[in-house]
Amino acid sequence: MSMKVQAACTEVAWAARLNLLWLTFTLAGGVVLGLGPATVAAYTLARRHARGESIQAWTEFWVVYRREFVRGSLLVLPMAVLAVVLVGNHLYLSALGPGTGALRTATLVALAALVLVGSYLGPIYAHYDLPLRAYLPKASLFAITRPAASVLQLLVLSGIAYATTAMPVLAAVISIGAWIYVNTWLCLRFFQENEARLHSKGIS
């Protein structure tokens, strides 16, 4: 039992460290310029940690952050901008009153779809070596063709979001790192299952 508790504490500490790295490097880039490379670096290290690799966190985060500064921004910023627009649109429509119910619902559906695709985007980028333009279609394909996995991801994200709303200090301490780590851990298993299924059908 003590071994399990120790292992759980180690994973919580790792998620908190990943959270600190993401926040530090996002802020170092002035948020807008730091968001993309920090997110890519966080997913890259989360993948390596989930695979049991030894990591020099700060040094290797900086290496990936610097290397992926342009590509990470091109990958993440369009999704982030669209999310901000959809959230702003929902808040605006909500302020207009009950007559905008259908538009609010459509906005929420679009936002949920964006979040779902985004939940695959980071892990796919860290796991597969593809042309930059291929990551979004691949993430969308996973979101559509793996409904059970997609629902599980949304449930996990909702749980973390609820806990963060109830205790806002979690956002600064662990929430983002916990999501990136759990999201990566889940997606690696989804990818392995998908690759095994394709292999069994003779598709490389």
N, C-alpha and C. Protein backbone atom coordinates (compact mmCIF):
# COMPACT_ATOMS: atom_id res chain seq x y z
N MET A 1 0.82 -1.21 0.00
CA MET A 1 0.00 0.00 0.00
C MET A 1 0.86 1.26 0.00
N SER A 2 1.93 1.25 0.81
CA SER A 2 2.80 2.42 0.89
C SER A 2 3.48 2.69 -0.45
N MET A 3 3.77 1.62 -1.21
CA MET A 3 4.39 1.79 -2.53
C MET A 3 3.43 2.50 -3.48
N LYS A 4 2.14 2.13 -3.40
CA LYS A 4 1.15 2.76 -4.27
C LYS A 4 0.97 4.23 -3.91
N VAL A 5 0.95 4.51 -2.61
CA VAL A 5 0.82 5.91 -2.17
C VAL A 5 2.02 6.72 -2.63
N GLN A 6 3.21 6.14 -2.50
CA GLN A 6 4.43 6.83 -2.93
C GLN A 6 4.42 7.08 -4.43
N ALA A 7 3.95 6.07 -5.21
CA ALA A 7 3.88 6.23 -6.66
C ALA A 7 2.87 7.32 -7.04
N ALA A 8 1.73 7.34 -6.33
CA ALA A 8 0.72 8.36 -6.60
C ALA A 8 1.25 9.76 -6.29
N CYS A 9 1.97 9.88 -5.18
CA CYS A 9 2.55 11.18 -4.81
C CYS A 9 3.58 11.63 -5.84
N THR A 10 4.34 10.67 -6.38
CA THR A 10 5.33 10.99 -7.41
C THR A 10 4.66 11.54 -8.65
N GLU A 11 3.55 10.93 -9.05
CA GLU A 11 2.84 11.39 -10.24
C GLU A 11 2.20 12.77 -10.02
N VAL A 12 1.67 12.98 -8.81
CA VAL A 12 1.10 14.30 -8.50
C VAL A 12 2.20 15.37 -8.54
N ALA A 13 3.35 15.04 -7.99
CA ALA A 13 4.47 15.99 -8.01
C ALA A 13 4.92 16.27 -9.44
N TRP A 14 4.92 15.25 -10.29
CA TRP A 14 5.29 15.45 -11.69
C TRP A 14 4.29 16.37 -12.39
N ALA A 15 2.98 16.14 -12.15
CA ALA A 15 1.96 16.99 -12.76
C ALA A 15 2.12 18.43 -12.30
N ALA A 16 2.44 18.63 -11.02
CA ALA A 16 2.66 19.99 -10.51
C ALA A 16 3.88 20.64 -11.15
N ARG A 17 4.94 19.86 -11.35
CA ARG A 17 6.14 20.40 -12.00
C ARG A 17 5.83 20.76 -13.45
N LEU A 18 5.09 19.90 -14.14
CA LEU A 18 4.73 20.17 -15.52
C LEU A 18 3.87 21.44 -15.60
N ASN A 19 2.98 21.60 -14.63
CA ASN A 19 2.14 22.79 -14.56
C ASN A 19 3.00 24.05 -14.41
N LEU A 20 4.00 23.99 -13.52
CA LEU A 20 4.89 25.13 -13.30
C LEU A 20 5.70 25.45 -14.54
N LEU A 21 6.19 24.41 -15.21
CA LEU A 21 6.95 24.62 -16.45
C LEU A 21 6.09 25.30 -17.50
N TRP A 22 4.88 24.79 -17.68
CA TRP A 22 3.98 25.35 -18.70
C TRP A 22 3.68 26.82 -18.40
N LEU A 23 3.33 27.11 -17.15
CA LEU A 23 3.02 28.49 -16.79
C LEU A 23 4.22 29.41 -16.96
N THR A 24 5.39 28.95 -16.50
CA THR A 24 6.59 29.78 -16.57
C THR A 24 6.95 30.13 -18.00
N PHE A 25 6.96 29.15 -18.87
CA PHE A 25 7.39 29.39 -20.24
C PHE A 25 6.30 30.08 -21.07
N THR A 26 5.03 29.87 -20.73
CA THR A 26 3.96 30.62 -21.40
C THR A 26 4.09 32.10 -21.07
N LEU A 27 4.30 32.40 -19.80
CA LEU A 27 4.46 33.80 -19.39
C LEU A 27 5.75 34.40 -19.95
N ALA A 28 6.79 33.57 -20.05
CA ALA A 28 8.07 34.07 -20.59
C ALA A 28 7.93 34.52 -22.03
N GLY A 29 7.00 33.94 -22.75
CA GLY A 29 6.75 34.35 -24.13
C GLY A 29 5.66 35.39 -24.26
N GLY A 30 5.31 36.03 -23.13
CA GLY A 30 4.26 37.04 -23.18
C GLY A 30 2.89 36.46 -23.43
N VAL A 31 2.66 35.24 -23.04
CA VAL A 31 1.42 34.47 -23.18
C VAL A 31 1.16 34.12 -24.65
N VAL A 32 0.95 35.12 -25.49
CA VAL A 32 0.59 34.86 -26.89
C VAL A 32 1.71 34.10 -27.60
N LEU A 33 2.95 34.57 -27.45
CA LEU A 33 4.06 33.92 -28.13
C LEU A 33 4.55 32.69 -27.36
N GLY A 34 4.23 32.61 -26.08
CA GLY A 34 4.70 31.48 -25.29
C GLY A 34 3.76 30.30 -25.24
N LEU A 35 2.47 30.54 -25.51
CA LEU A 35 1.46 29.49 -25.36
C LEU A 35 1.74 28.26 -26.22
N GLY A 36 2.01 28.47 -27.51
CA GLY A 36 2.20 27.35 -28.42
C GLY A 36 3.40 26.49 -28.08
N PRO A 37 4.61 27.08 -28.04
CA PRO A 37 5.79 26.26 -27.74
C PRO A 37 5.76 25.66 -26.34
N ALA A 38 5.18 26.35 -25.36
CA ALA A 38 5.09 25.79 -24.00
C ALA A 38 4.16 24.58 -23.99
N THR A 39 3.07 24.65 -24.72
CA THR A 39 2.13 23.53 -24.77
C THR A 39 2.76 22.33 -25.47
N VAL A 40 3.43 22.57 -26.57
CA VAL A 40 4.10 21.48 -27.29
C VAL A 40 5.19 20.85 -26.42
N ALA A 41 5.98 21.68 -25.73
CA ALA A 41 7.03 21.17 -24.86
C ALA A 41 6.44 20.35 -23.72
N ALA A 42 5.33 20.81 -23.15
CA ALA A 42 4.70 20.08 -22.06
C ALA A 42 4.22 18.71 -22.51
N TYR A 43 3.60 18.65 -23.69
CA TYR A 43 3.13 17.36 -24.20
C TYR A 43 4.29 16.44 -24.56
N THR A 44 5.37 17.01 -25.06
CA THR A 44 6.53 16.20 -25.40
C THR A 44 7.13 15.55 -24.16
N LEU A 45 7.29 16.33 -23.09
CA LEU A 45 7.83 15.77 -21.85
C LEU A 45 6.85 14.83 -21.18
N ALA A 46 5.55 15.13 -21.26
CA ALA A 46 4.54 14.25 -20.68
C ALA A 46 4.57 12.88 -21.36
N ARG A 47 4.76 12.88 -22.67
CA ARG A 47 4.85 11.61 -23.40
C ARG A 47 6.06 10.82 -22.94
N ARG A 48 7.19 11.48 -22.82
CA ARG A 48 8.41 10.80 -22.39
C ARG A 48 8.27 10.26 -20.97
N HIS A 49 7.65 11.03 -20.10
CA HIS A 49 7.45 10.57 -18.72
C HIS A 49 6.52 9.36 -18.69
N ALA A 50 5.44 9.41 -19.48
CA ALA A 50 4.49 8.30 -19.52
C ALA A 50 5.13 7.03 -20.05
N ARG A 51 6.18 7.17 -20.85
CA ARG A 51 6.91 6.01 -21.39
C ARG A 51 8.05 5.56 -20.48
N GLY A 52 8.16 6.21 -19.30
CA GLY A 52 9.13 5.78 -18.32
C GLY A 52 10.54 6.31 -18.53
N GLU A 53 10.69 7.34 -19.36
CA GLU A 53 12.02 7.89 -19.62
C GLU A 53 12.45 8.84 -18.51
N SER A 54 13.75 8.92 -18.30
CA SER A 54 14.31 9.86 -17.33
C SER A 54 14.43 11.24 -17.99
N ILE A 55 14.03 12.28 -17.27
CA ILE A 55 13.95 13.61 -17.87
C ILE A 55 14.59 14.65 -16.96
N GLN A 56 15.41 15.50 -17.54
CA GLN A 56 15.89 16.72 -16.88
C GLN A 56 14.90 17.82 -17.26
N ALA A 57 13.88 17.99 -16.43
CA ALA A 57 12.68 18.73 -16.83
C ALA A 57 12.94 20.13 -17.36
N TRP A 58 13.62 20.97 -16.58
CA TRP A 58 13.79 22.37 -16.99
C TRP A 58 14.66 22.49 -18.24
N THR A 59 15.75 21.75 -18.25
CA THR A 59 16.65 21.83 -19.40
C THR A 59 15.97 21.34 -20.67
N GLU A 60 15.31 20.20 -20.60
CA GLU A 60 14.72 19.61 -21.79
C GLU A 60 13.45 20.35 -22.22
N PHE A 61 12.72 20.92 -21.26
CA PHE A 61 11.57 21.75 -21.62
C PHE A 61 12.05 22.94 -22.46
N TRP A 62 13.13 23.59 -22.00
CA TRP A 62 13.67 24.74 -22.73
C TRP A 62 14.13 24.35 -24.12
N VAL A 63 14.76 23.18 -24.26
CA VAL A 63 15.24 22.73 -25.56
C VAL A 63 14.07 22.57 -26.53
N VAL A 64 13.01 21.91 -26.08
CA VAL A 64 11.84 21.70 -26.95
C VAL A 64 11.14 23.03 -27.21
N TYR A 65 11.00 23.85 -26.19
CA TYR A 65 10.35 25.16 -26.32
C TYR A 65 11.02 26.00 -27.40
N ARG A 66 12.34 26.04 -27.36
CA ARG A 66 13.09 26.84 -28.34
C ARG A 66 12.98 26.23 -29.74
N ARG A 67 13.11 24.90 -29.82
CA ARG A 67 13.06 24.23 -31.12
C ARG A 67 11.69 24.34 -31.78
N GLU A 68 10.63 24.31 -30.97
CA GLU A 68 9.27 24.29 -31.50
C GLU A 68 8.58 25.65 -31.42
N PHE A 69 9.37 26.71 -31.28
CA PHE A 69 8.76 28.02 -31.06
C PHE A 69 7.81 28.41 -32.20
N VAL A 70 8.24 28.23 -33.43
CA VAL A 70 7.41 28.61 -34.57
C VAL A 70 6.33 27.59 -34.83
N ARG A 71 6.72 26.32 -34.97
CA ARG A 71 5.74 25.27 -35.27
C ARG A 71 4.71 25.13 -34.15
N GLY A 72 5.15 25.25 -32.90
CA GLY A 72 4.20 25.17 -31.79
C GLY A 72 3.18 26.28 -31.83
N SER A 73 3.62 27.47 -32.18
CA SER A 73 2.69 28.60 -32.29
C SER A 73 1.70 28.39 -33.43
N LEU A 74 2.20 27.92 -34.57
CA LEU A 74 1.33 27.67 -35.71
C LEU A 74 0.31 26.56 -35.43
N LEU A 75 0.68 25.63 -34.56
CA LEU A 75 -0.23 24.53 -34.23
C LEU A 75 -1.29 24.96 -33.22
N VAL A 76 -0.87 25.68 -32.18
CA VAL A 76 -1.74 25.93 -31.04
C VAL A 76 -2.53 27.23 -31.15
N LEU A 77 -1.90 28.30 -31.63
CA LEU A 77 -2.55 29.61 -31.59
C LEU A 77 -3.88 29.68 -32.35
N PRO A 78 -3.98 29.09 -33.57
CA PRO A 78 -5.28 29.16 -34.25
C PRO A 78 -6.40 28.52 -33.43
N MET A 79 -6.12 27.40 -32.76
CA MET A 79 -7.12 26.75 -31.92
C MET A 79 -7.47 27.63 -30.72
N ALA A 80 -6.45 28.26 -30.13
CA ALA A 80 -6.68 29.12 -28.97
C ALA A 80 -7.52 30.34 -29.35
N VAL A 81 -7.20 30.95 -30.49
CA VAL A 81 -7.96 32.12 -30.95
C VAL A 81 -9.41 31.74 -31.21
N LEU A 82 -9.63 30.61 -31.86
CA LEU A 82 -11.00 30.16 -32.13
C LEU A 82 -11.76 29.89 -30.84
N ALA A 83 -11.07 29.31 -29.85
CA ALA A 83 -11.72 29.05 -28.57
C ALA A 83 -12.12 30.36 -27.90
N VAL A 84 -11.25 31.36 -27.93
CA VAL A 84 -11.56 32.67 -27.33
C VAL A 84 -12.76 33.30 -28.03
N VAL A 85 -12.79 33.20 -29.35
CA VAL A 85 -13.91 33.76 -30.12
C VAL A 85 -15.22 33.07 -29.75
N LEU A 86 -15.21 31.75 -29.65
CA LEU A 86 -16.43 31.01 -29.32
C LEU A 86 -16.90 31.32 -27.90
N VAL A 87 -15.97 31.39 -26.95
CA VAL A 87 -16.34 31.73 -25.57
C VAL A 87 -16.91 33.14 -25.51
N GLY A 88 -16.24 34.07 -26.19
CA GLY A 88 -16.75 35.44 -26.22
C GLY A 88 -18.12 35.53 -26.87
N ASN A 89 -18.32 34.76 -27.94
CA ASN A 89 -19.61 34.74 -28.61
C ASN A 89 -20.70 34.20 -27.69
N HIS A 90 -20.36 33.15 -26.93
CA HIS A 90 -21.35 32.58 -26.00
C HIS A 90 -21.71 33.57 -24.91
N LEU A 91 -20.71 34.26 -24.36
CA LEU A 91 -20.99 35.25 -23.32
C LEU A 91 -21.84 36.40 -23.86
N TYR A 92 -21.54 36.83 -25.07
CA TYR A 92 -22.32 37.92 -25.69
C TYR A 92 -23.76 37.50 -25.91
N LEU A 93 -23.95 36.30 -26.44
CA LEU A 93 -25.31 35.81 -26.68
C LEU A 93 -26.08 35.62 -25.38
N SER A 94 -25.38 35.16 -24.34
CA SER A 94 -26.03 34.98 -23.04
C SER A 94 -26.52 36.31 -22.49
N ALA A 95 -25.75 37.37 -22.74
CA ALA A 95 -26.14 38.69 -22.24
C ALA A 95 -27.36 39.25 -22.97
N LEU A 96 -27.62 38.75 -24.16
CA LEU A 96 -28.76 39.24 -24.93
C LEU A 96 -30.10 38.68 -24.47
N GLY A 97 -30.06 37.60 -23.66
CA GLY A 97 -31.29 37.06 -23.12
C GLY A 97 -31.71 35.75 -23.75
N PRO A 98 -32.91 35.26 -23.37
CA PRO A 98 -33.37 33.92 -23.76
C PRO A 98 -33.65 33.76 -25.26
N GLY A 99 -33.78 34.83 -25.97
CA GLY A 99 -34.11 34.73 -27.39
C GLY A 99 -32.97 34.17 -28.25
N THR A 100 -31.82 34.04 -27.68
CA THR A 100 -30.65 33.56 -28.44
C THR A 100 -30.29 32.11 -28.08
N GLY A 101 -31.26 31.37 -27.55
CA GLY A 101 -30.99 30.01 -27.07
C GLY A 101 -30.40 29.10 -28.13
N ALA A 102 -30.94 29.14 -29.34
CA ALA A 102 -30.46 28.25 -30.40
C ALA A 102 -29.02 28.60 -30.79
N LEU A 103 -28.72 29.88 -30.86
CA LEU A 103 -27.37 30.30 -31.21
C LEU A 103 -26.37 29.95 -30.11
N ARG A 104 -26.81 30.09 -28.85
CA ARG A 104 -25.94 29.71 -27.74
C ARG A 104 -25.64 28.23 -27.76
N THR A 105 -26.66 27.44 -28.06
CA THR A 105 -26.46 25.99 -28.12
C THR A 105 -25.50 25.63 -29.24
N ALA A 106 -25.67 26.26 -30.40
CA ALA A 106 -24.77 25.99 -31.52
C ALA A 106 -23.33 26.38 -31.18
N THR A 107 -23.18 27.49 -30.46
CA THR A 107 -21.84 27.93 -30.06
C THR A 107 -21.21 26.93 -29.09
N LEU A 108 -22.01 26.42 -28.14
CA LEU A 108 -21.49 25.45 -27.18
C LEU A 108 -21.11 24.14 -27.86
N VAL A 109 -21.89 23.74 -28.84
CA VAL A 109 -21.57 22.51 -29.59
C VAL A 109 -20.25 22.69 -30.34
N ALA A 110 -20.10 23.85 -30.98
CA ALA A 110 -18.85 24.13 -31.70
C ALA A 110 -17.67 24.16 -30.74
N LEU A 111 -17.87 24.74 -29.55
CA LEU A 111 -16.79 24.82 -28.57
C LEU A 111 -16.42 23.42 -28.06
N ALA A 112 -17.42 22.58 -27.82
CA ALA A 112 -17.17 21.21 -27.37
C ALA A 112 -16.39 20.43 -28.43
N ALA A 113 -16.77 20.61 -29.70
CA ALA A 113 -16.06 19.94 -30.78
C ALA A 113 -14.62 20.41 -30.86
N LEU A 114 -14.40 21.70 -30.68
CA LEU A 114 -13.04 22.25 -30.70
C LEU A 114 -12.21 21.69 -29.56
N VAL A 115 -12.79 21.62 -28.37
CA VAL A 115 -12.08 21.08 -27.21
C VAL A 115 -11.74 19.61 -27.44
N LEU A 116 -12.67 18.88 -28.01
CA LEU A 116 -12.45 17.45 -28.25
C LEU A 116 -11.32 17.23 -29.25
N VAL A 117 -11.32 17.95 -30.34
CA VAL A 117 -10.23 17.84 -31.32
C VAL A 117 -8.92 18.28 -30.68
N GLY A 118 -8.97 19.36 -29.90
CA GLY A 118 -7.77 19.85 -29.24
C GLY A 118 -7.19 18.86 -28.25
N SER A 119 -8.04 18.03 -27.65
CA SER A 119 -7.55 17.05 -26.68
C SER A 119 -6.70 15.98 -27.33
N TYR A 120 -6.83 15.79 -28.64
CA TYR A 120 -5.98 14.85 -29.36
C TYR A 120 -4.78 15.53 -30.00
N LEU A 121 -4.88 16.83 -30.23
CA LEU A 121 -3.87 17.52 -31.03
C LEU A 121 -2.48 17.50 -30.39
N GLY A 122 -2.39 17.85 -29.11
CA GLY A 122 -1.10 17.86 -28.44
C GLY A 122 -0.45 16.49 -28.37
N PRO A 123 -1.17 15.46 -27.91
CA PRO A 123 -0.58 14.12 -27.88
C PRO A 123 -0.18 13.60 -29.26
N ILE A 124 -0.98 13.89 -30.28
CA ILE A 124 -0.63 13.45 -31.63
C ILE A 124 0.65 14.14 -32.11
N TYR A 125 0.77 15.43 -31.82
CA TYR A 125 1.97 16.16 -32.23
C TYR A 125 3.21 15.59 -31.56
N ALA A 126 3.08 15.23 -30.28
CA ALA A 126 4.22 14.69 -29.54
C ALA A 126 4.55 13.26 -29.97
N HIS A 127 3.55 12.53 -30.48
CA HIS A 127 3.74 11.09 -30.75
C HIS A 127 4.08 10.78 -32.20
N TYR A 128 3.52 11.56 -33.13
CA TYR A 128 3.70 11.26 -34.55
C TYR A 128 4.52 12.34 -35.24
N ASP A 129 5.33 11.93 -36.18
CA ASP A 129 6.12 12.86 -36.99
C ASP A 129 5.41 13.05 -38.32
N LEU A 130 4.67 14.15 -38.44
CA LEU A 130 3.85 14.41 -39.61
C LEU A 130 4.11 15.84 -40.11
N PRO A 131 3.74 16.12 -41.35
CA PRO A 131 3.75 17.53 -41.78
C PRO A 131 2.79 18.33 -40.90
N LEU A 132 3.11 19.59 -40.67
CA LEU A 132 2.33 20.40 -39.75
C LEU A 132 0.85 20.43 -40.13
N ARG A 133 0.58 20.50 -41.42
CA ARG A 133 -0.81 20.60 -41.87
C ARG A 133 -1.61 19.32 -41.63
N ALA A 134 -0.93 18.21 -41.33
CA ALA A 134 -1.62 16.93 -41.19
C ALA A 134 -2.13 16.67 -39.77
N TYR A 135 -1.67 17.44 -38.79
CA TYR A 135 -2.03 17.14 -37.40
C TYR A 135 -3.50 17.41 -37.10
N LEU A 136 -4.04 18.52 -37.57
CA LEU A 136 -5.43 18.83 -37.28
C LEU A 136 -6.39 17.82 -37.90
N PRO A 137 -6.22 17.43 -39.18
CA PRO A 137 -7.09 16.39 -39.74
C PRO A 137 -6.99 15.07 -38.99
N LYS A 138 -5.77 14.70 -38.57
CA LYS A 138 -5.60 13.44 -37.84
C LYS A 138 -6.29 13.50 -36.48
N ALA A 139 -6.15 14.65 -35.80
CA ALA A 139 -6.83 14.81 -34.51
C ALA A 139 -8.34 14.76 -34.68
N SER A 140 -8.84 15.39 -35.73
CA SER A 140 -10.29 15.38 -36.00
C SER A 140 -10.77 13.97 -36.29
N LEU A 141 -9.96 13.21 -37.04
CA LEU A 141 -10.32 11.83 -37.37
C LEU A 141 -10.40 10.97 -36.10
N PHE A 142 -9.43 11.13 -35.22
CA PHE A 142 -9.47 10.38 -33.96
C PHE A 142 -10.71 10.75 -33.16
N ALA A 143 -11.03 12.03 -33.09
CA ALA A 143 -12.18 12.47 -32.31
C ALA A 143 -13.48 11.88 -32.84
N ILE A 144 -13.58 11.74 -34.15
CA ILE A 144 -14.81 11.24 -34.76
C ILE A 144 -14.92 9.72 -34.68
N THR A 145 -13.80 9.04 -34.92
CA THR A 145 -13.83 7.58 -35.04
C THR A 145 -13.65 6.85 -33.72
N ARG A 146 -13.31 7.56 -32.64
CA ARG A 146 -13.15 6.92 -31.33
C ARG A 146 -14.10 7.58 -30.32
N PRO A 147 -15.42 7.38 -30.49
CA PRO A 147 -16.38 8.08 -29.63
C PRO A 147 -16.24 7.75 -28.15
N ALA A 148 -15.98 6.48 -27.81
CA ALA A 148 -15.85 6.13 -26.39
C ALA A 148 -14.64 6.83 -25.77
N ALA A 149 -13.53 6.81 -26.50
CA ALA A 149 -12.32 7.48 -26.02
C ALA A 149 -12.55 8.98 -25.90
N SER A 150 -13.27 9.53 -26.86
CA SER A 150 -13.53 10.97 -26.85
C SER A 150 -14.41 11.37 -25.66
N VAL A 151 -15.42 10.56 -25.38
CA VAL A 151 -16.28 10.83 -24.22
C VAL A 151 -15.47 10.75 -22.93
N LEU A 152 -14.60 9.76 -22.84
CA LEU A 152 -13.75 9.62 -21.65
C LEU A 152 -12.88 10.86 -21.46
N GLN A 153 -12.31 11.35 -22.55
CA GLN A 153 -11.46 12.54 -22.46
C GLN A 153 -12.27 13.74 -21.97
N LEU A 154 -13.47 13.90 -22.49
CA LEU A 154 -14.32 15.02 -22.06
C LEU A 154 -14.69 14.90 -20.59
N LEU A 155 -14.94 13.67 -20.13
CA LEU A 155 -15.28 13.47 -18.72
C LEU A 155 -14.10 13.83 -17.81
N VAL A 156 -12.91 13.41 -18.21
CA VAL A 156 -11.72 13.73 -17.42
C VAL A 156 -11.49 15.23 -17.38
N LEU A 157 -11.60 15.87 -18.54
CA LEU A 157 -11.41 17.32 -18.60
C LEU A 157 -12.47 18.05 -17.78
N SER A 158 -13.71 17.58 -17.84
CA SER A 158 -14.79 18.19 -17.06
C SER A 158 -14.52 18.07 -15.57
N GLY A 159 -14.01 16.88 -15.16
CA GLY A 159 -13.70 16.69 -13.75
C GLY A 159 -12.61 17.63 -13.28
N ILE A 160 -11.56 17.79 -14.07
CA ILE A 160 -10.48 18.71 -13.70
C ILE A 160 -10.98 20.15 -13.70
N ALA A 161 -11.80 20.50 -14.69
CA ALA A 161 -12.34 21.86 -14.75
C ALA A 161 -13.24 22.15 -13.55
N TYR A 162 -14.05 21.17 -13.16
CA TYR A 162 -14.94 21.35 -12.00
C TYR A 162 -14.13 21.54 -10.73
N ALA A 163 -13.10 20.71 -10.54
CA ALA A 163 -12.26 20.82 -9.35
C ALA A 163 -11.56 22.17 -9.32
N THR A 164 -11.13 22.64 -10.49
CA THR A 164 -10.44 23.94 -10.56
C THR A 164 -11.40 25.07 -10.25
N THR A 165 -12.63 24.95 -10.72
CA THR A 165 -13.64 25.98 -10.43
C THR A 165 -13.95 26.03 -8.93
N ALA A 166 -14.01 24.85 -8.31
CA ALA A 166 -14.30 24.79 -6.88
C ALA A 166 -13.12 25.29 -6.05
N MET A 167 -11.89 25.02 -6.54
CA MET A 167 -10.67 25.46 -5.83
C MET A 167 -9.74 26.12 -6.84
N PRO A 168 -9.95 27.41 -7.13
CA PRO A 168 -9.18 28.10 -8.19
C PRO A 168 -7.67 28.03 -8.02
N VAL A 169 -7.19 27.83 -6.80
CA VAL A 169 -5.75 27.77 -6.59
C VAL A 169 -5.13 26.58 -7.34
N LEU A 170 -5.95 25.58 -7.65
CA LEU A 170 -5.44 24.42 -8.38
C LEU A 170 -4.93 24.81 -9.76
N ALA A 171 -5.51 25.85 -10.36
CA ALA A 171 -5.07 26.28 -11.68
C ALA A 171 -3.61 26.70 -11.67
N ALA A 172 -3.19 27.33 -10.58
CA ALA A 172 -1.80 27.77 -10.49
C ALA A 172 -0.87 26.66 -10.03
N VAL A 173 -1.42 25.62 -9.41
CA VAL A 173 -0.58 24.59 -8.79
C VAL A 173 -0.47 23.33 -9.64
N ILE A 174 -1.61 22.84 -10.20
CA ILE A 174 -1.53 21.53 -10.81
C ILE A 174 -2.50 21.27 -11.97
N SER A 175 -3.58 22.00 -12.09
CA SER A 175 -4.66 21.62 -13.02
C SER A 175 -4.19 21.43 -14.46
N ILE A 176 -3.46 22.38 -15.01
CA ILE A 176 -3.04 22.30 -16.41
C ILE A 176 -2.06 21.15 -16.60
N GLY A 177 -1.11 21.04 -15.69
CA GLY A 177 -0.15 19.93 -15.77
C GLY A 177 -0.84 18.59 -15.63
N ALA A 178 -1.83 18.50 -14.74
CA ALA A 178 -2.55 17.24 -14.56
C ALA A 178 -3.31 16.87 -15.82
N TRP A 179 -3.95 17.86 -16.46
CA TRP A 179 -4.68 17.57 -17.69
C TRP A 179 -3.73 17.11 -18.79
N ILE A 180 -2.63 17.81 -18.98
CA ILE A 180 -1.68 17.43 -20.03
C ILE A 180 -1.14 16.03 -19.79
N TYR A 181 -0.83 15.73 -18.53
CA TYR A 181 -0.28 14.40 -18.22
C TYR A 181 -1.31 13.29 -18.43
N VAL A 182 -2.51 13.46 -17.87
CA VAL A 182 -3.55 12.42 -18.01
C VAL A 182 -4.00 12.31 -19.45
N ASN A 183 -4.15 13.43 -20.13
CA ASN A 183 -4.54 13.46 -21.53
C ASN A 183 -3.53 12.68 -22.39
N THR A 184 -2.24 12.92 -22.13
CA THR A 184 -1.19 12.22 -22.87
C THR A 184 -1.21 10.73 -22.56
N TRP A 185 -1.34 10.38 -21.29
CA TRP A 185 -1.36 8.97 -20.87
C TRP A 185 -2.50 8.22 -21.55
N LEU A 186 -3.68 8.83 -21.57
CA LEU A 186 -4.82 8.20 -22.22
C LEU A 186 -4.60 8.06 -23.72
N CYS A 187 -4.14 9.13 -24.35
CA CYS A 187 -3.99 9.11 -25.81
C CYS A 187 -2.93 8.11 -26.25
N LEU A 188 -1.87 7.95 -25.49
CA LEU A 188 -0.86 6.96 -25.86
C LEU A 188 -1.47 5.56 -25.92
N ARG A 189 -2.38 5.27 -25.03
CA ARG A 189 -3.05 3.98 -25.06
C ARG A 189 -4.03 3.88 -26.22
N PHE A 190 -4.72 4.97 -26.51
CA PHE A 190 -5.60 4.97 -27.69
C PHE A 190 -4.78 4.75 -28.96
N PHE A 191 -3.64 5.41 -29.05
CA PHE A 191 -2.79 5.26 -30.24
C PHE A 191 -2.28 3.83 -30.37
N GLN A 192 -1.88 3.24 -29.25
CA GLN A 192 -1.39 1.86 -29.29
C GLN A 192 -2.48 0.90 -29.75
N GLU A 193 -3.69 1.10 -29.23
CA GLU A 193 -4.81 0.25 -29.64
C GLU A 193 -5.10 0.42 -31.13
N ASN A 194 -5.07 1.66 -31.59
CA ASN A 194 -5.35 1.93 -32.99
C ASN A 194 -4.29 1.32 -33.89
N GLU A 195 -3.02 1.46 -33.50
CA GLU A 195 -1.93 0.90 -34.30
C GLU A 195 -1.98 -0.62 -34.32
N ALA A 196 -2.35 -1.24 -33.18
CA ALA A 196 -2.47 -2.69 -33.13
C ALA A 196 -3.62 -3.16 -34.02
N ARG A 197 -4.71 -2.41 -34.03
CA ARG A 197 -5.86 -2.76 -34.87
C ARG A 197 -5.50 -2.66 -36.35
N LEU A 198 -4.79 -1.58 -36.72
CA LEU A 198 -4.39 -1.42 -38.11
C LEU A 198 -3.39 -2.51 -38.53
N HIS A 199 -2.48 -2.85 -37.60
CA HIS A 199 -1.50 -3.89 -37.89
C HIS A 199 -2.18 -5.24 -38.13
N SER A 200 -3.22 -5.52 -37.32
CA SER A 200 -3.92 -6.80 -37.46
C SER A 200 -4.65 -6.90 -38.80
N LYS A 201 -4.96 -5.73 -39.38
CA LYS A 201 -5.61 -5.70 -40.68
C LYS A 201 -4.62 -5.60 -41.83
N GLY A 202 -3.33 -5.60 -41.47
CA GLY A 202 -2.29 -5.50 -42.50
C GLY A 202 -2.08 -4.11 -43.04
N ILE A 203 -2.50 -3.11 -42.24
CA ILE A 203 -2.32 -1.71 -42.65
C ILE A 203 -1.21 -1.12 -41.81
N SER A 204 -0.14 -0.65 -42.46
CA SER A 204 0.97 -0.09 -41.71
C SER A 204 0.76 1.40 -41.48
